[in-house]
């Protein structure tokens, strides 16, 4: 009986440790997903993509103007 009690109590301690670990991990993952799924995050990503596209077109125009002037 005592051996069973020791095994079951250590099993409960392990389960509690796993539950605490999973709970804290779950909270950390929620904040990451929330930051990536907000509308403002999507808008910022699209804005950065648009900035790169504009810079690329400006560089092409600058090359074309430089080529025509020389």
PDB file of N, CA and C in Angstrom:
ATOM      1  N   UNK A   1       0.819  -1.191   0.000  1.00  0.00           N
ATOM      2  CA  UNK A   1       0.000   0.000   0.000  1.00  0.00           C
ATOM      3  C   UNK A   1       0.866   1.259   0.000  1.00  0.00           C
ATOM      4  N   UNK A   2       1.925   1.243   0.811  1.00  0.00           N
ATOM      5  CA  UNK A   2       2.795   2.415   0.893  1.00  0.00           C
ATOM      6  C   UNK A   2       3.499   2.646  -0.446  1.00  0.00           C
ATOM      7  N   UNK A   3       3.934   1.562  -1.107  1.00  0.00           N
ATOM      8  CA  UNK A   3       4.611   1.684  -2.392  1.00  0.00           C
ATOM      9  C   UNK A   3       3.664   2.287  -3.429  1.00  0.00           C
ATOM     10  N   UNK A   4       2.419   1.874  -3.421  1.00  0.00           N
ATOM     11  CA  UNK A   4       1.421   2.409  -4.339  1.00  0.00           C
ATOM     12  C   UNK A   4       1.188   3.893  -4.066  1.00  0.00           C
ATOM     13  N   UNK A   5       1.173   4.268  -2.802  1.00  0.00           N
ATOM     14  CA  UNK A   5       0.972   5.660  -2.427  1.00  0.00           C
ATOM     15  C   UNK A   5       2.136   6.521  -2.901  1.00  0.00           C
ATOM     16  N   UNK A   6       3.357   6.037  -2.780  1.00  0.00           N
ATOM     17  CA  UNK A   6       4.539   6.775  -3.228  1.00  0.00           C
ATOM     18  C   UNK A   6       4.520   6.933  -4.741  1.00  0.00           C
ATOM     19  N   UNK A   7       4.178   5.869  -5.452  1.00  0.00           N
ATOM     20  CA  UNK A   7       4.138   5.928  -6.914  1.00  0.00           C
ATOM     21  C   UNK A   7       3.044   6.877  -7.379  1.00  0.00           C
ATOM     22  N   UNK A   8       1.873   6.800  -6.777  1.00  0.00           N
ATOM     23  CA  UNK A   8       0.775   7.656  -7.206  1.00  0.00           C
ATOM     24  C   UNK A   8       1.053   9.121  -6.864  1.00  0.00           C
ATOM     25  N   UNK A   9       1.694   9.387  -5.725  1.00  0.00           N
ATOM     26  CA  UNK A   9       1.994  10.775  -5.375  1.00  0.00           C
ATOM     27  C   UNK A   9       3.066  11.354  -6.300  1.00  0.00           C
ATOM     28  N   UNK A  10       4.058  10.557  -6.670  1.00  0.00           N
ATOM     29  CA  UNK A  10       5.064  11.064  -7.609  1.00  0.00           C
ATOM     30  C   UNK A  10       4.450  11.254  -8.994  1.00  0.00           C
ATOM     31  N   UNK A  11       3.513  10.397  -9.363  1.00  0.00           N
ATOM     32  CA  UNK A  11       2.815  10.541 -10.639  1.00  0.00           C
ATOM     33  C   UNK A  11       2.004  11.836 -10.656  1.00  0.00           C
ATOM     34  N   UNK A  12       1.352  12.153  -9.555  1.00  0.00           N
ATOM     35  CA  UNK A  12       0.572  13.387  -9.453  1.00  0.00           C
ATOM     36  C   UNK A  12       1.486  14.601  -9.546  1.00  0.00           C
ATOM     37  N   UNK A  13       2.634  14.550  -8.904  1.00  0.00           N
ATOM     38  CA  UNK A  13       3.589  15.657  -8.970  1.00  0.00           C
ATOM     39  C   UNK A  13       4.058  15.868 -10.406  1.00  0.00           C
ATOM     40  N   UNK A  14       4.329  14.794 -11.115  1.00  0.00           N
ATOM     41  CA  UNK A  14       4.763  14.898 -12.513  1.00  0.00           C
ATOM     42  C   UNK A  14       3.648  15.489 -13.369  1.00  0.00           C
ATOM     43  N   UNK A  15       2.417  15.047 -13.154  1.00  0.00           N
ATOM     44  CA  UNK A  15       1.290  15.590 -13.911  1.00  0.00           C
ATOM     45  C   UNK A  15       1.099  17.080 -13.648  1.00  0.00           C
ATOM     46  N   UNK A  16       1.251  17.491 -12.407  1.00  0.00           N
ATOM     47  CA  UNK A  16       1.121  18.912 -12.077  1.00  0.00           C
ATOM     48  C   UNK A  16       2.226  19.717 -12.750  1.00  0.00           C
ATOM     49  N   UNK A  17       3.439  19.200 -12.755  1.00  0.00           N
ATOM     50  CA  UNK A  17       4.552  19.899 -13.412  1.00  0.00           C
ATOM     51  C   UNK A  17       4.301  20.033 -14.907  1.00  0.00           C
ATOM     52  N   UNK A  18       3.806  18.977 -15.526  1.00  0.00           N
ATOM     53  CA  UNK A  18       3.505  19.033 -16.963  1.00  0.00           C
ATOM     54  C   UNK A  18       2.388  20.030 -17.232  1.00  0.00           C
ATOM     55  N   UNK A  19       1.364  20.036 -16.392  1.00  0.00           N
ATOM     56  CA  UNK A  19       0.247  20.959 -16.573  1.00  0.00           C
ATOM     57  C   UNK A  19       0.712  22.408 -16.457  1.00  0.00           C
ATOM     58  N   UNK A  20       1.568  22.696 -15.494  1.00  0.00           N
ATOM     59  CA  UNK A  20       2.087  24.061 -15.333  1.00  0.00           C
ATOM     60  C   UNK A  20       2.922  24.452 -16.538  1.00  0.00           C
ATOM     61  N   UNK A  21       3.750  23.547 -17.013  1.00  0.00           N
ATOM     62  CA  UNK A  21       4.577  23.829 -18.187  1.00  0.00           C
ATOM     63  C   UNK A  21       3.712  24.109 -19.408  1.00  0.00           C
ATOM     64  N   UNK A  22       2.698  23.292 -19.626  1.00  0.00           N
ATOM     65  CA  UNK A  22       1.834  23.477 -20.790  1.00  0.00           C
ATOM     66  C   UNK A  22       1.021  24.764 -20.689  1.00  0.00           C
ATOM     67  N   UNK A  23       0.608  25.123 -19.498  1.00  0.00           N
ATOM     68  CA  UNK A  23      -0.148  26.370 -19.331  1.00  0.00           C
ATOM     69  C   UNK A  23       0.707  27.583 -19.667  1.00  0.00           C
ATOM     70  N   UNK A  24       1.927  27.634 -19.179  1.00  0.00           N
ATOM     71  CA  UNK A  24       2.775  28.792 -19.459  1.00  0.00           C
ATOM     72  C   UNK A  24       3.160  28.829 -20.928  1.00  0.00           C
ATOM     73  N   UNK A  25       3.402  27.684 -21.532  1.00  0.00           N
ATOM     74  CA  UNK A  25       3.723  27.638 -22.953  1.00  0.00           C
ATOM     75  C   UNK A  25       2.534  28.114 -23.767  1.00  0.00           C
ATOM     76  N   UNK A  26       1.353  27.732 -23.378  1.00  0.00           N
ATOM     77  CA  UNK A  26       0.150  28.117 -24.090  1.00  0.00           C
ATOM     78  C   UNK A  26      -0.035  29.634 -24.066  1.00  0.00           C
ATOM     79  N   UNK A  27       0.213  30.282 -22.933  1.00  0.00           N
ATOM     80  CA  UNK A  27       0.085  31.731 -22.861  1.00  0.00           C
ATOM     81  C   UNK A  27       1.105  32.418 -23.759  1.00  0.00           C
ATOM     82  N   UNK A  28       2.315  31.918 -23.808  1.00  0.00           N
ATOM     83  CA  UNK A  28       3.339  32.523 -24.653  1.00  0.00           C
ATOM     84  C   UNK A  28       2.971  32.407 -26.121  1.00  0.00           C
ATOM     85  N   UNK A  29       2.424  31.277 -26.528  1.00  0.00           N
ATOM     86  CA  UNK A  29       2.059  31.094 -27.923  1.00  0.00           C
ATOM     87  C   UNK A  29       0.872  31.963 -28.313  1.00  0.00           C
ATOM     88  N   UNK A  30      -0.064  32.177 -27.417  1.00  0.00           N
ATOM     89  CA  UNK A  30      -1.216  33.025 -27.732  1.00  0.00           C
ATOM     90  C   UNK A  30      -0.783  34.443 -28.060  1.00  0.00           C
ATOM     91  N   UNK A  31       0.165  34.978 -27.314  1.00  0.00           N
ATOM     92  CA  UNK A  31       0.587  36.348 -27.586  1.00  0.00           C
ATOM     93  C   UNK A  31       1.282  36.445 -28.931  1.00  0.00           C
ATOM     94  N   UNK A  32       2.025  35.429 -29.310  1.00  0.00           N
ATOM     95  CA  UNK A  32       2.691  35.437 -30.610  1.00  0.00           C
ATOM     96  C   UNK A  32       1.666  35.376 -31.721  1.00  0.00           C
ATOM     97  N   UNK A  33       0.701  34.493 -31.610  1.00  0.00           N
ATOM     98  CA  UNK A  33      -0.324  34.385 -32.637  1.00  0.00           C
ATOM     99  C   UNK A  33      -1.159  35.659 -32.701  1.00  0.00           C
ATOM    100  N   UNK A  34      -1.461  36.239 -31.563  1.00  0.00           N
ATOM    101  CA  UNK A  34      -2.270  37.451 -31.550  1.00  0.00           C
ATOM    102  C   UNK A  34      -1.536  38.597 -32.232  1.00  0.00           C
ATOM    103  N   UNK A  35      -0.249  38.716 -32.021  1.00  0.00           N
ATOM    104  CA  UNK A  35       0.505  39.801 -32.643  1.00  0.00           C
ATOM    105  C   UNK A  35       0.569  39.641 -34.149  1.00  0.00           C
ATOM    106  N   UNK A  36       0.618  38.414 -34.628  1.00  0.00           N
ATOM    107  CA  UNK A  36       0.706  38.188 -36.067  1.00  0.00           C
ATOM    108  C   UNK A  36      -0.641  38.239 -36.755  1.00  0.00           C
ATOM    109  N   UNK A  37      -1.725  38.084 -36.035  1.00  0.00           N
ATOM    110  CA  UNK A  37      -3.025  38.006 -36.675  1.00  0.00           C
ATOM    111  C   UNK A  37      -3.826  39.299 -36.585  1.00  0.00           C
ATOM    112  N   UNK A  38      -3.272  40.335 -36.007  1.00  0.00           N
ATOM    113  CA  UNK A  38      -4.007  41.584 -35.905  1.00  0.00           C
ATOM    114  C   UNK A  38      -4.054  42.277 -37.256  1.00  0.00           C
ATOM    115  N   UNK A  39      -5.110  43.040 -37.505  1.00  0.00           N
ATOM    116  CA  UNK A  39      -5.203  43.767 -38.775  1.00  0.00           C
ATOM    117  C   UNK A  39      -4.056  44.758 -38.965  1.00  0.00           C
ATOM    118  N   UNK A  40      -3.598  45.372 -37.888  1.00  0.00           N
ATOM    119  CA  UNK A  40      -2.504  46.334 -38.029  1.00  0.00           C
ATOM    120  C   UNK A  40      -1.208  45.644 -38.439  1.00  0.00           C
ATOM    121  N   UNK A  41      -1.010  44.397 -38.011  1.00  0.00           N
ATOM    122  CA  UNK A  41       0.185  43.655 -38.434  1.00  0.00           C
ATOM    123  C   UNK A  41       0.126  43.372 -39.925  1.00  0.00           C
ATOM    124  N   UNK A  42      -1.065  43.046 -40.430  1.00  0.00           N
ATOM    125  CA  UNK A  42      -1.229  42.815 -41.866  1.00  0.00           C
ATOM    126  C   UNK A  42      -0.997  44.100 -42.647  1.00  0.00           C
ATOM    127  N   UNK A  43      -1.504  45.198 -42.137  1.00  0.00           N
ATOM    128  CA  UNK A  43      -1.334  46.486 -42.812  1.00  0.00           C
ATOM    129  C   UNK A  43       0.135  46.883 -42.834  1.00  0.00           C
ATOM    130  N   UNK A  44       0.831  46.666 -41.722  1.00  0.00           N
ATOM    131  CA  UNK A  44       2.257  47.007 -41.672  1.00  0.00           C
ATOM    132  C   UNK A  44       3.055  46.179 -42.665  1.00  0.00           C
ATOM    133  N   UNK A  45       2.718  44.904 -42.792  1.00  0.00           N
ATOM    134  CA  UNK A  45       3.424  44.039 -43.743  1.00  0.00           C
ATOM    135  C   UNK A  45       3.166  44.499 -45.171  1.00  0.00           C
ATOM    136  N   UNK A  46       1.927  44.850 -45.470  1.00  0.00           N
ATOM    137  CA  UNK A  46       1.591  45.336 -46.812  1.00  0.00           C
ATOM    138  C   UNK A  46       2.272  46.668 -47.090  1.00  0.00           C
ATOM    139  N   UNK A  47       2.361  47.516 -46.081  1.00  0.00           N
ATOM    140  CA  UNK A  47       3.017  48.808 -46.243  1.00  0.00           C
ATOM    141  C   UNK A  47       4.501  48.630 -46.529  1.00  0.00           C
ATOM    142  N   UNK A  48       5.147  47.709 -45.824  1.00  0.00           N
ATOM    143  CA  UNK A  48       6.565  47.435 -46.074  1.00  0.00           C
ATOM    144  C   UNK A  48       6.772  46.887 -47.482  1.00  0.00           C
ATOM    145  N   UNK A  49       5.879  46.034 -47.925  1.00  0.00           N
ATOM    146  CA  UNK A  49       5.967  45.487 -49.281  1.00  0.00           C
ATOM    147  C   UNK A  49       5.791  46.599 -50.315  1.00  0.00           C
ATOM    148  N   UNK A  50       4.867  47.503 -50.056  1.00  0.00           N
ATOM    149  CA  UNK A  50       4.637  48.630 -50.959  1.00  0.00           C
ATOM    150  C   UNK A  50       5.846  49.557 -50.998  1.00  0.00           C
ATOM    151  N   UNK A  51       6.471  49.789 -49.848  1.00  0.00           N
ATOM    152  CA  UNK A  51       7.680  50.621 -49.806  1.00  0.00           C
ATOM    153  C   UNK A  51       8.789  50.013 -50.657  1.00  0.00           C
ATOM    154  N   UNK A  52       8.957  48.704 -50.560  1.00  0.00           N
ATOM    155  CA  UNK A  52       9.992  48.034 -51.360  1.00  0.00           C
ATOM    156  C   UNK A  52       9.684  48.143 -52.844  1.00  0.00           C
ATOM    157  N   UNK A  53       8.419  48.007 -53.201  1.00  0.00           N
ATOM    158  CA  UNK A  53       8.026  48.101 -54.605  1.00  0.00           C
ATOM    159  C   UNK A  53       8.266  49.512 -55.138  1.00  0.00           C
ATOM    160  N   UNK A  54       7.931  50.514 -54.358  1.00  0.00           N
ATOM    161  CA  UNK A  54       8.145  51.905 -54.770  1.00  0.00           C
ATOM    162  C   UNK A  54       9.632  52.194 -54.905  1.00  0.00           C
ATOM    163  N   UNK A  55      10.429  51.715 -53.970  1.00  0.00           N
ATOM    164  CA  UNK A  55      11.876  51.932 -54.044  1.00  0.00           C
ATOM    165  C   UNK A  55      12.460  51.254 -55.271  1.00  0.00           C
ATOM    166  N   UNK A  56      11.968  50.080 -55.603  1.00  0.00           N
ATOM    167  CA  UNK A  56      12.446  49.370 -56.787  1.00  0.00           C
ATOM    168  C   UNK A  56      12.106  50.140 -58.056  1.00  0.00           C
ATOM    169  N   UNK A  57      10.888  50.634 -58.142  1.00  0.00           N
ATOM    170  CA  UNK A  57      10.476  51.405 -59.321  1.00  0.00           C
ATOM    171  C   UNK A  57      11.249  52.714 -59.413  1.00  0.00           C
ATOM    172  N   UNK A  58      11.519  53.346 -58.282  1.00  0.00           N
ATOM    173  CA  UNK A  58      12.287  54.591 -58.284  1.00  0.00           C
ATOM    174  C   UNK A  58      13.711  54.340 -58.761  1.00  0.00           C
ATOM    175  N   UNK A  59      14.291  53.234 -58.358  1.00  0.00           N
ATOM    176  CA  UNK A  59      15.647  52.901 -58.802  1.00  0.00           C
ATOM    177  C   UNK A  59      15.673  52.644 -60.305  1.00  0.00           C
ATOM    178  N   UNK A  60      14.656  51.977 -60.819  1.00  0.00           N
ATOM    179  CA  UNK A  60      14.578  51.735 -62.265  1.00  0.00           C
ATOM    180  C   UNK A  60      14.421  53.042 -63.031  1.00  0.00           C
ATOM    181  N   UNK A  61      13.592  53.946 -62.523  1.00  0.00           N
ATOM    182  CA  UNK A  61      13.418  55.248 -63.170  1.00  0.00           C
ATOM    183  C   UNK A  61      14.713  56.046 -63.152  1.00  0.00           C
ATOM    184  N   UNK A  62      15.417  55.992 -62.039  1.00  0.00           N
ATOM    185  CA  UNK A  62      16.683  56.712 -61.929  1.00  0.00           C
ATOM    186  C   UNK A  62      17.689  56.170 -62.941  1.00  0.00           C
ATOM    187  N   UNK A  63      17.743  54.866 -63.102  1.00  0.00           N
ATOM    188  CA  UNK A  63      18.641  54.270 -64.098  1.00  0.00           C
ATOM    189  C   UNK A  63      18.246  54.693 -65.507  1.00  0.00           C
ATOM    190  N   UNK A  64      16.958  54.682 -65.784  1.00  0.00           N
ATOM    191  CA  UNK A  64      16.473  55.055 -67.117  1.00  0.00           C
ATOM    192  C   UNK A  64      16.786  56.517 -67.421  1.00  0.00           C
ATOM    193  N   UNK A  65      16.583  57.386 -66.456  1.00  0.00           N
ATOM    194  CA  UNK A  65      16.885  58.810 -66.653  1.00  0.00           C
ATOM    195  C   UNK A  65      18.377  59.005 -66.842  1.00  0.00           C
ATOM    196  N   UNK A  66      19.176  58.328 -66.039  1.00  0.00           N
ATOM    197  CA  UNK A  66      20.629  58.428 -66.185  1.00  0.00           C
ATOM    198  C   UNK A  66      21.098  57.921 -67.536  1.00  0.00           C
ATOM    199  N   UNK A  67      20.479  56.870 -68.019  1.00  0.00           N
ATOM    200  CA  UNK A  67      20.850  56.300 -69.318  1.00  0.00           C
ATOM    201  C   UNK A  67      20.469  57.254 -70.452  1.00  0.00           C
ATOM    202  N   UNK A  68      19.334  57.906 -70.359  1.00  0.00           N
ATOM    203  CA  UNK A  68      18.887  58.817 -71.421  1.00  0.00           C
ATOM    204  C   UNK A  68      19.673  60.128 -71.416  1.00  0.00           C
ATOM    205  N   UNK A  69      20.132  60.546 -70.250  1.00  0.00           N
ATOM    206  CA  UNK A  69      20.878  61.806 -70.177  1.00  0.00           C
ATOM    207  C   UNK A  69      22.314  61.651 -70.659  1.00  0.00           C
ATOM    208  N   UNK A  70      22.862  60.459 -70.611  1.00  0.00           N
ATOM    209  CA  UNK A  70      24.256  60.289 -71.034  1.00  0.00           C
ATOM    210  C   UNK A  70      24.377  59.890 -72.469  1.00  0.00           C
TER     211      UNK A  70
END
